[in-house]
N, C-alpha and C. Protein backbone atom coordinates (compact mmCIF):
# COMPACT_ATOMS: atom_id res chain seq x y z
N MET A 1 85.86 97.36 113.24
CA MET A 1 84.99 98.28 113.95
C MET A 1 83.94 97.47 114.68
N ASP A 2 83.68 97.81 115.90
CA ASP A 2 82.72 97.10 116.73
C ASP A 2 81.31 97.47 116.31
N GLY A 3 80.47 96.45 116.07
CA GLY A 3 79.08 96.67 115.66
C GLY A 3 78.21 97.19 116.78
N ALA A 4 78.59 96.98 118.01
CA ALA A 4 77.80 97.44 119.15
C ALA A 4 78.37 98.76 119.64
N PHE A 5 78.29 99.78 118.82
CA PHE A 5 78.88 101.06 119.17
C PHE A 5 78.05 101.82 120.20
N ARG A 6 76.76 101.49 120.28
CA ARG A 6 75.90 102.19 121.21
C ARG A 6 75.78 101.37 122.49
N LYS A 7 76.22 101.92 123.58
CA LYS A 7 76.20 101.21 124.86
C LYS A 7 74.87 101.40 125.60
N ILE A 8 74.16 102.48 125.31
CA ILE A 8 72.89 102.77 125.97
C ILE A 8 71.77 102.63 124.94
N ASP A 9 70.70 101.94 125.32
CA ASP A 9 69.55 101.78 124.44
C ASP A 9 68.71 103.04 124.54
N ILE A 10 68.89 103.96 123.59
CA ILE A 10 68.18 105.23 123.66
C ILE A 10 66.71 105.10 123.28
N ASP A 11 66.34 103.99 122.66
CA ASP A 11 64.95 103.79 122.28
C ASP A 11 64.01 103.66 123.48
N ILE A 12 64.53 103.30 124.63
CA ILE A 12 63.66 103.17 125.80
C ILE A 12 63.15 104.53 126.26
N TYR A 13 63.78 105.62 125.84
CA TYR A 13 63.36 106.96 126.22
C TYR A 13 62.40 107.58 125.20
N ASP A 14 62.18 106.90 124.10
CA ASP A 14 61.31 107.42 123.05
C ASP A 14 59.95 106.74 123.12
N GLU A 15 58.89 107.52 123.25
CA GLU A 15 57.54 106.96 123.34
C GLU A 15 57.06 106.42 122.00
N ASP A 16 57.55 106.97 120.91
CA ASP A 16 57.07 106.61 119.58
C ASP A 16 57.89 105.53 118.89
N VAL A 17 58.67 104.79 119.65
CA VAL A 17 59.48 103.76 119.03
C VAL A 17 58.57 102.64 118.52
N LEU A 18 58.90 102.12 117.36
CA LEU A 18 58.11 101.08 116.71
C LEU A 18 58.83 99.75 116.84
N HIS A 19 58.20 98.78 117.48
CA HIS A 19 58.79 97.46 117.66
C HIS A 19 58.35 96.54 116.53
N GLU A 20 59.20 95.55 116.24
CA GLU A 20 58.93 94.65 115.12
C GLU A 20 57.61 93.91 115.29
N GLU A 21 57.27 93.51 116.50
CA GLU A 21 56.02 92.76 116.71
C GLU A 21 54.78 93.62 116.48
N GLU A 22 54.93 94.95 116.41
CA GLU A 22 53.81 95.84 116.14
C GLU A 22 53.56 96.02 114.65
N LEU A 23 54.48 95.59 113.81
CA LEU A 23 54.38 95.83 112.38
C LEU A 23 53.43 94.88 111.67
N TYR A 24 53.29 93.68 112.18
CA TYR A 24 52.42 92.69 111.55
C TYR A 24 51.97 91.69 112.60
N THR A 25 50.95 90.95 112.27
CA THR A 25 50.45 89.93 113.17
C THR A 25 51.18 88.63 112.88
N ALA A 26 51.87 88.13 113.88
CA ALA A 26 52.58 86.86 113.71
C ALA A 26 51.59 85.70 113.70
N ASP A 27 52.05 84.57 113.26
CA ASP A 27 51.21 83.38 113.22
C ASP A 27 50.79 83.01 114.65
N PRO A 28 49.49 82.94 114.92
CA PRO A 28 49.05 82.68 116.29
C PRO A 28 49.26 81.24 116.75
N ARG A 29 49.57 80.36 115.83
CA ARG A 29 49.75 78.95 116.19
C ARG A 29 51.08 78.73 116.90
N ASP A 30 51.14 77.62 117.61
CA ASP A 30 52.37 77.20 118.27
C ASP A 30 53.40 76.86 117.19
N PRO A 31 54.69 77.16 117.39
CA PRO A 31 55.70 76.85 116.37
C PRO A 31 55.72 75.38 115.96
N ALA A 32 55.44 74.46 116.88
CA ALA A 32 55.41 73.04 116.52
C ALA A 32 54.25 72.75 115.56
N GLU A 33 53.13 73.42 115.77
CA GLU A 33 51.99 73.25 114.86
C GLU A 33 52.31 73.78 113.47
N VAL A 34 53.03 74.89 113.42
CA VAL A 34 53.40 75.49 112.13
C VAL A 34 54.34 74.56 111.37
N VAL A 35 55.29 73.96 112.06
CA VAL A 35 56.22 73.01 111.42
C VAL A 35 55.46 71.78 110.94
N ALA A 36 54.54 71.28 111.75
CA ALA A 36 53.75 70.10 111.35
C ALA A 36 52.90 70.42 110.12
N ALA A 37 52.31 71.62 110.07
CA ALA A 37 51.52 72.01 108.92
C ALA A 37 52.39 72.14 107.67
N ALA A 38 53.61 72.66 107.84
CA ALA A 38 54.52 72.80 106.70
C ALA A 38 54.93 71.42 106.17
N LYS A 39 55.16 70.47 107.07
CA LYS A 39 55.53 69.11 106.62
C LYS A 39 54.36 68.43 105.93
N GLN A 40 53.15 68.66 106.44
CA GLN A 40 51.97 68.09 105.79
C GLN A 40 51.79 68.70 104.41
N LYS A 41 52.00 70.00 104.31
CA LYS A 41 51.90 70.69 103.03
C LYS A 41 52.94 70.16 102.05
N GLN A 42 54.12 69.81 102.57
CA GLN A 42 55.18 69.26 101.74
C GLN A 42 54.74 67.96 101.08
N GLY A 43 54.08 67.10 101.84
CA GLY A 43 53.58 65.84 101.28
C GLY A 43 52.48 66.06 100.26
N THR A 44 51.60 67.01 100.52
CA THR A 44 50.52 67.32 99.58
C THR A 44 51.08 67.87 98.28
N VAL A 45 52.10 68.70 98.38
CA VAL A 45 52.72 69.27 97.18
C VAL A 45 53.41 68.17 96.37
N ARG A 46 54.07 67.25 97.05
CA ARG A 46 54.74 66.14 96.32
C ARG A 46 53.72 65.30 95.56
N SER A 47 52.58 65.05 96.16
CA SER A 47 51.56 64.26 95.45
C SER A 47 51.00 65.04 94.27
N ALA A 48 50.85 66.36 94.41
CA ALA A 48 50.39 67.18 93.28
C ALA A 48 51.43 67.21 92.17
N LEU A 49 52.71 67.26 92.54
CA LEU A 49 53.77 67.23 91.53
C LEU A 49 53.83 65.89 90.81
N SER A 50 53.54 64.82 91.52
CA SER A 50 53.56 63.51 90.87
C SER A 50 52.42 63.38 89.86
N ARG A 51 51.36 64.16 90.05
CA ARG A 51 50.25 64.19 89.08
C ARG A 51 50.47 65.27 88.02
N SER A 52 51.64 65.93 88.04
CA SER A 52 52.00 67.01 87.12
C SER A 52 51.06 68.21 87.26
N ASP A 53 50.54 68.44 88.45
CA ASP A 53 49.67 69.58 88.73
C ASP A 53 50.51 70.69 89.35
N ILE A 54 51.29 71.38 88.50
CA ILE A 54 52.20 72.41 88.99
C ILE A 54 51.42 73.62 89.56
N PRO A 55 50.39 74.12 88.86
CA PRO A 55 49.65 75.26 89.44
C PRO A 55 49.01 74.91 90.79
N GLY A 56 48.49 73.71 90.90
CA GLY A 56 47.89 73.28 92.17
C GLY A 56 48.94 73.16 93.26
N ALA A 57 50.09 72.60 92.93
CA ALA A 57 51.17 72.46 93.91
C ALA A 57 51.65 73.83 94.38
N LEU A 58 51.77 74.77 93.45
CA LEU A 58 52.23 76.11 93.81
C LEU A 58 51.20 76.83 94.69
N SER A 59 49.93 76.67 94.38
CA SER A 59 48.88 77.29 95.19
C SER A 59 48.85 76.71 96.60
N ILE A 60 49.06 75.40 96.70
CA ILE A 60 49.09 74.75 98.02
C ILE A 60 50.28 75.27 98.82
N ALA A 61 51.44 75.37 98.17
CA ALA A 61 52.65 75.81 98.87
C ALA A 61 52.56 77.27 99.32
N LEU A 62 51.84 78.09 98.56
CA LEU A 62 51.75 79.52 98.89
C LEU A 62 50.56 79.86 99.77
N ASP A 63 49.77 78.86 100.13
CA ASP A 63 48.62 79.09 100.99
C ASP A 63 49.06 79.10 102.45
N SER A 64 48.77 80.16 103.14
CA SER A 64 49.08 80.36 104.56
C SER A 64 50.54 80.02 104.90
N VAL A 65 51.44 80.78 104.31
CA VAL A 65 52.87 80.59 104.58
C VAL A 65 53.20 81.09 105.98
N PRO A 66 54.22 80.53 106.62
CA PRO A 66 54.56 80.94 107.99
C PRO A 66 55.25 82.30 108.04
N TYR A 67 54.76 83.15 108.93
CA TYR A 67 55.34 84.46 109.19
C TYR A 67 55.66 84.57 110.67
N GLY A 68 56.57 85.45 110.99
CA GLY A 68 56.84 85.75 112.38
C GLY A 68 58.06 85.05 112.93
N PRO A 69 58.33 85.33 114.21
CA PRO A 69 59.49 84.71 114.86
C PRO A 69 59.21 83.28 115.28
N ASN A 70 60.24 82.53 115.56
CA ASN A 70 60.16 81.17 116.10
C ASN A 70 59.58 80.15 115.14
N VAL A 71 59.47 80.45 113.87
CA VAL A 71 58.97 79.48 112.90
C VAL A 71 59.97 79.30 111.75
N ASP A 72 61.25 79.42 112.07
CA ASP A 72 62.29 79.34 111.05
C ASP A 72 62.33 77.98 110.36
N ASP A 73 62.07 76.90 111.10
CA ASP A 73 62.07 75.57 110.49
C ASP A 73 60.95 75.46 109.46
N ALA A 74 59.78 75.98 109.78
CA ALA A 74 58.65 75.93 108.84
C ALA A 74 58.94 76.80 107.62
N LYS A 75 59.60 77.93 107.83
CA LYS A 75 59.98 78.79 106.70
C LYS A 75 60.95 78.07 105.77
N LEU A 76 61.89 77.34 106.35
CA LEU A 76 62.87 76.61 105.55
C LEU A 76 62.21 75.47 104.77
N ILE A 77 61.28 74.76 105.40
CA ILE A 77 60.56 73.68 104.72
C ILE A 77 59.76 74.24 103.55
N THR A 78 59.09 75.37 103.78
CA THR A 78 58.31 75.99 102.71
C THR A 78 59.21 76.44 101.57
N LEU A 79 60.36 77.00 101.89
CA LEU A 79 61.31 77.40 100.85
C LEU A 79 61.75 76.19 100.03
N GLN A 80 62.08 75.09 100.69
CA GLN A 80 62.51 73.89 99.99
C GLN A 80 61.40 73.34 99.09
N VAL A 81 60.16 73.40 99.56
CA VAL A 81 59.03 72.94 98.75
C VAL A 81 58.90 73.80 97.50
N LEU A 82 58.99 75.10 97.66
CA LEU A 82 58.87 75.99 96.51
C LEU A 82 60.04 75.83 95.54
N LEU A 83 61.23 75.61 96.06
CA LEU A 83 62.37 75.38 95.18
C LEU A 83 62.20 74.09 94.39
N THR A 84 61.62 73.09 95.01
CA THR A 84 61.35 71.84 94.30
C THR A 84 60.37 72.06 93.16
N ILE A 85 59.33 72.83 93.44
CA ILE A 85 58.34 73.14 92.40
C ILE A 85 58.99 73.90 91.26
N MET A 86 59.79 74.90 91.58
CA MET A 86 60.43 75.71 90.54
C MET A 86 61.40 74.88 89.70
N ASN A 87 62.10 73.98 90.35
CA ASN A 87 63.08 73.14 89.66
C ASN A 87 62.40 72.14 88.73
N SER A 88 61.18 71.73 89.05
CA SER A 88 60.52 70.71 88.25
C SER A 88 59.57 71.28 87.20
N THR A 89 59.56 72.59 87.04
CA THR A 89 58.68 73.22 86.06
C THR A 89 59.46 73.58 84.81
N LYS A 90 58.88 73.27 83.66
CA LYS A 90 59.50 73.63 82.38
C LYS A 90 59.42 75.15 82.21
N SER A 91 60.42 75.70 81.58
CA SER A 91 60.49 77.14 81.39
C SER A 91 59.30 77.67 80.57
N THR A 92 58.82 76.88 79.65
CA THR A 92 57.70 77.32 78.81
C THR A 92 56.37 77.31 79.57
N ASP A 93 56.28 76.55 80.66
CA ASP A 93 55.05 76.47 81.43
C ASP A 93 54.94 77.54 82.51
N ILE A 94 56.02 78.22 82.82
CA ILE A 94 56.04 79.16 83.94
C ILE A 94 55.01 80.29 83.79
N PRO A 95 54.89 80.97 82.63
CA PRO A 95 53.92 82.07 82.55
C PRO A 95 52.48 81.64 82.82
N ASN A 96 52.08 80.48 82.30
CA ASN A 96 50.71 80.01 82.53
C ASN A 96 50.49 79.65 84.00
N VAL A 97 51.50 79.10 84.64
CA VAL A 97 51.40 78.77 86.06
C VAL A 97 51.25 80.05 86.87
N LEU A 98 52.03 81.07 86.53
CA LEU A 98 51.99 82.33 87.28
C LEU A 98 50.68 83.08 87.07
N LYS A 99 50.11 82.99 85.88
CA LYS A 99 48.84 83.66 85.63
C LYS A 99 47.71 83.05 86.43
N ALA A 100 47.85 81.79 86.80
CA ALA A 100 46.81 81.11 87.58
C ALA A 100 46.83 81.51 89.06
N LEU A 101 47.88 82.19 89.49
CA LEU A 101 48.00 82.59 90.90
C LEU A 101 47.26 83.89 91.17
N ALA A 102 46.78 84.02 92.40
CA ALA A 102 46.17 85.27 92.86
C ALA A 102 47.29 86.30 93.09
N PRO A 103 46.97 87.59 93.07
CA PRO A 103 48.01 88.61 93.28
C PRO A 103 48.76 88.45 94.61
N GLU A 104 48.08 88.07 95.67
CA GLU A 104 48.75 87.87 96.95
C GLU A 104 49.74 86.70 96.88
N GLU A 105 49.35 85.66 96.15
CA GLU A 105 50.25 84.52 95.97
C GLU A 105 51.46 84.90 95.13
N GLN A 106 51.27 85.76 94.14
CA GLN A 106 52.39 86.22 93.33
C GLN A 106 53.37 87.02 94.17
N ASP A 107 52.85 87.88 95.06
CA ASP A 107 53.72 88.65 95.94
C ASP A 107 54.50 87.74 96.88
N THR A 108 53.84 86.73 97.42
CA THR A 108 54.50 85.79 98.32
C THR A 108 55.56 84.99 97.58
N LEU A 109 55.27 84.58 96.35
CA LEU A 109 56.25 83.87 95.55
C LEU A 109 57.48 84.74 95.30
N MET A 110 57.27 86.03 95.07
CA MET A 110 58.40 86.94 94.86
C MET A 110 59.28 86.99 96.12
N LYS A 111 58.66 86.98 97.29
CA LYS A 111 59.43 86.96 98.54
C LYS A 111 60.31 85.72 98.60
N TYR A 112 59.72 84.57 98.23
CA TYR A 112 60.50 83.33 98.28
C TYR A 112 61.57 83.29 97.20
N LEU A 113 61.33 83.93 96.07
CA LEU A 113 62.38 84.01 95.05
C LEU A 113 63.59 84.78 95.60
N TYR A 114 63.33 85.90 96.26
CA TYR A 114 64.43 86.66 96.83
C TYR A 114 65.11 85.90 97.96
N LYS A 115 64.32 85.18 98.75
CA LYS A 115 64.92 84.39 99.82
C LYS A 115 65.78 83.27 99.23
N GLY A 116 65.32 82.65 98.15
CA GLY A 116 66.10 81.61 97.49
C GLY A 116 67.40 82.16 96.91
N MET A 117 67.34 83.39 96.39
CA MET A 117 68.56 84.01 95.86
C MET A 117 69.54 84.34 96.98
N ALA A 118 69.03 84.69 98.13
CA ALA A 118 69.88 85.06 99.25
C ALA A 118 70.46 83.86 99.98
N THR A 119 69.85 82.70 99.82
CA THR A 119 70.29 81.50 100.52
C THR A 119 71.34 80.79 99.68
N SER A 120 72.46 80.49 100.29
CA SER A 120 73.50 79.77 99.56
C SER A 120 73.34 78.27 99.78
N GLY A 121 73.73 77.52 98.80
CA GLY A 121 73.70 76.07 98.91
C GLY A 121 72.32 75.46 98.77
N ASN A 122 71.40 76.16 98.07
CA ASN A 122 70.08 75.57 97.90
C ASN A 122 70.08 74.60 96.73
N ASP A 123 68.93 73.94 96.54
CA ASP A 123 68.84 72.86 95.56
C ASP A 123 68.59 73.33 94.14
N VAL A 124 68.48 74.60 93.92
CA VAL A 124 68.13 75.10 92.60
C VAL A 124 69.18 76.13 92.18
N SER A 125 69.44 76.19 90.89
CA SER A 125 70.47 77.11 90.41
C SER A 125 69.92 78.53 90.33
N GLY A 126 70.82 79.48 90.32
CA GLY A 126 70.43 80.88 90.24
C GLY A 126 69.72 81.21 88.94
N SER A 127 70.07 80.50 87.87
CA SER A 127 69.41 80.79 86.59
C SER A 127 67.94 80.43 86.63
N VAL A 128 67.57 79.38 87.36
CA VAL A 128 66.16 79.00 87.48
C VAL A 128 65.41 80.09 88.26
N LEU A 129 66.00 80.56 89.34
CA LEU A 129 65.36 81.61 90.13
C LEU A 129 65.23 82.91 89.33
N LEU A 130 66.26 83.25 88.58
CA LEU A 130 66.18 84.46 87.75
C LEU A 130 65.15 84.32 86.64
N ASP A 131 65.02 83.13 86.09
CA ASP A 131 64.01 82.87 85.06
C ASP A 131 62.60 83.06 85.65
N TRP A 132 62.37 82.49 86.84
CA TRP A 132 61.08 82.67 87.51
C TRP A 132 60.84 84.14 87.83
N HIS A 133 61.88 84.84 88.28
CA HIS A 133 61.75 86.26 88.61
C HIS A 133 61.36 87.07 87.38
N GLU A 134 62.01 86.78 86.27
CA GLU A 134 61.70 87.50 85.03
C GLU A 134 60.25 87.27 84.61
N LYS A 135 59.83 86.02 84.63
CA LYS A 135 58.46 85.69 84.20
C LYS A 135 57.43 86.26 85.17
N LEU A 136 57.73 86.22 86.47
CA LEU A 136 56.80 86.77 87.46
C LEU A 136 56.68 88.28 87.32
N THR A 137 57.77 88.95 87.02
CA THR A 137 57.73 90.40 86.81
C THR A 137 56.92 90.74 85.57
N GLU A 138 57.03 89.91 84.53
CA GLU A 138 56.23 90.13 83.32
C GLU A 138 54.74 89.97 83.61
N VAL A 139 54.39 88.98 84.42
CA VAL A 139 52.98 88.68 84.70
C VAL A 139 52.40 89.65 85.73
N ALA A 140 53.12 89.87 86.83
CA ALA A 140 52.59 90.65 87.95
C ALA A 140 52.96 92.12 87.90
N GLY A 141 53.95 92.48 87.10
CA GLY A 141 54.35 93.87 87.01
C GLY A 141 55.37 94.26 88.07
N LEU A 142 55.83 95.48 87.99
CA LEU A 142 56.83 95.98 88.93
C LEU A 142 56.25 96.20 90.33
N GLY A 143 54.95 96.35 90.41
CA GLY A 143 54.31 96.53 91.71
C GLY A 143 54.55 95.35 92.63
N CYS A 144 54.68 94.18 92.06
CA CYS A 144 54.96 92.97 92.85
C CYS A 144 56.30 93.10 93.57
N ILE A 145 57.28 93.64 92.90
CA ILE A 145 58.60 93.83 93.51
C ILE A 145 58.52 94.87 94.62
N VAL A 146 57.81 95.96 94.35
CA VAL A 146 57.69 97.03 95.35
C VAL A 146 56.95 96.53 96.59
N ARG A 147 55.86 95.80 96.40
CA ARG A 147 55.12 95.26 97.54
C ARG A 147 55.96 94.28 98.33
N THR A 148 56.78 93.51 97.65
CA THR A 148 57.65 92.55 98.33
C THR A 148 58.71 93.27 99.15
N MET A 149 59.29 94.30 98.59
CA MET A 149 60.35 95.02 99.30
C MET A 149 59.84 95.82 100.49
N THR A 150 58.59 96.28 100.43
CA THR A 150 58.06 97.12 101.50
C THR A 150 57.28 96.35 102.56
N ASP A 151 56.97 95.10 102.30
CA ASP A 151 56.22 94.30 103.27
C ASP A 151 57.13 93.91 104.41
N ARG A 152 56.68 94.10 105.63
CA ARG A 152 57.49 93.81 106.80
C ARG A 152 57.47 92.33 107.18
N ARG A 153 56.52 91.59 106.63
CA ARG A 153 56.44 90.16 106.94
C ARG A 153 57.49 89.42 106.13
N THR A 154 58.43 88.82 106.80
CA THR A 154 59.50 88.10 106.11
C THR A 154 59.21 86.62 106.09
N VAL A 155 59.61 85.99 105.01
CA VAL A 155 59.41 84.54 104.88
C VAL A 155 60.70 83.81 105.13
């Protein structure tokens, strides 16, 4: 079945049509600046991980994450950074790390957990992501999942 079944764009005749760019404010920076910031953040997170500062590394990684179009490379770098953090954290340390996060950071982490689950061929196993999801749901509650599913800003 052809996915382009509609030959005429009927939305141009509707005054109340909602465009994706109206749903949220995209990152105002140039995409190259966003990628450079993500790479710099990657180095900062690695140094925090080498000092075994997992809560600090997670807070750095979740601070001002890239949103919007044209920043897919920065989104991928941020995902890889977060997967590295999750992979290097002991299962017993996860609840304490999650409790140290602000509610907005917990919601953003949930978005990246779902993105990690949806991405094939990543560096972390599904069991690690499910373990983080379980612990995050225990700490942040079901509201975290609802806010993640209803937020239009994709990571």
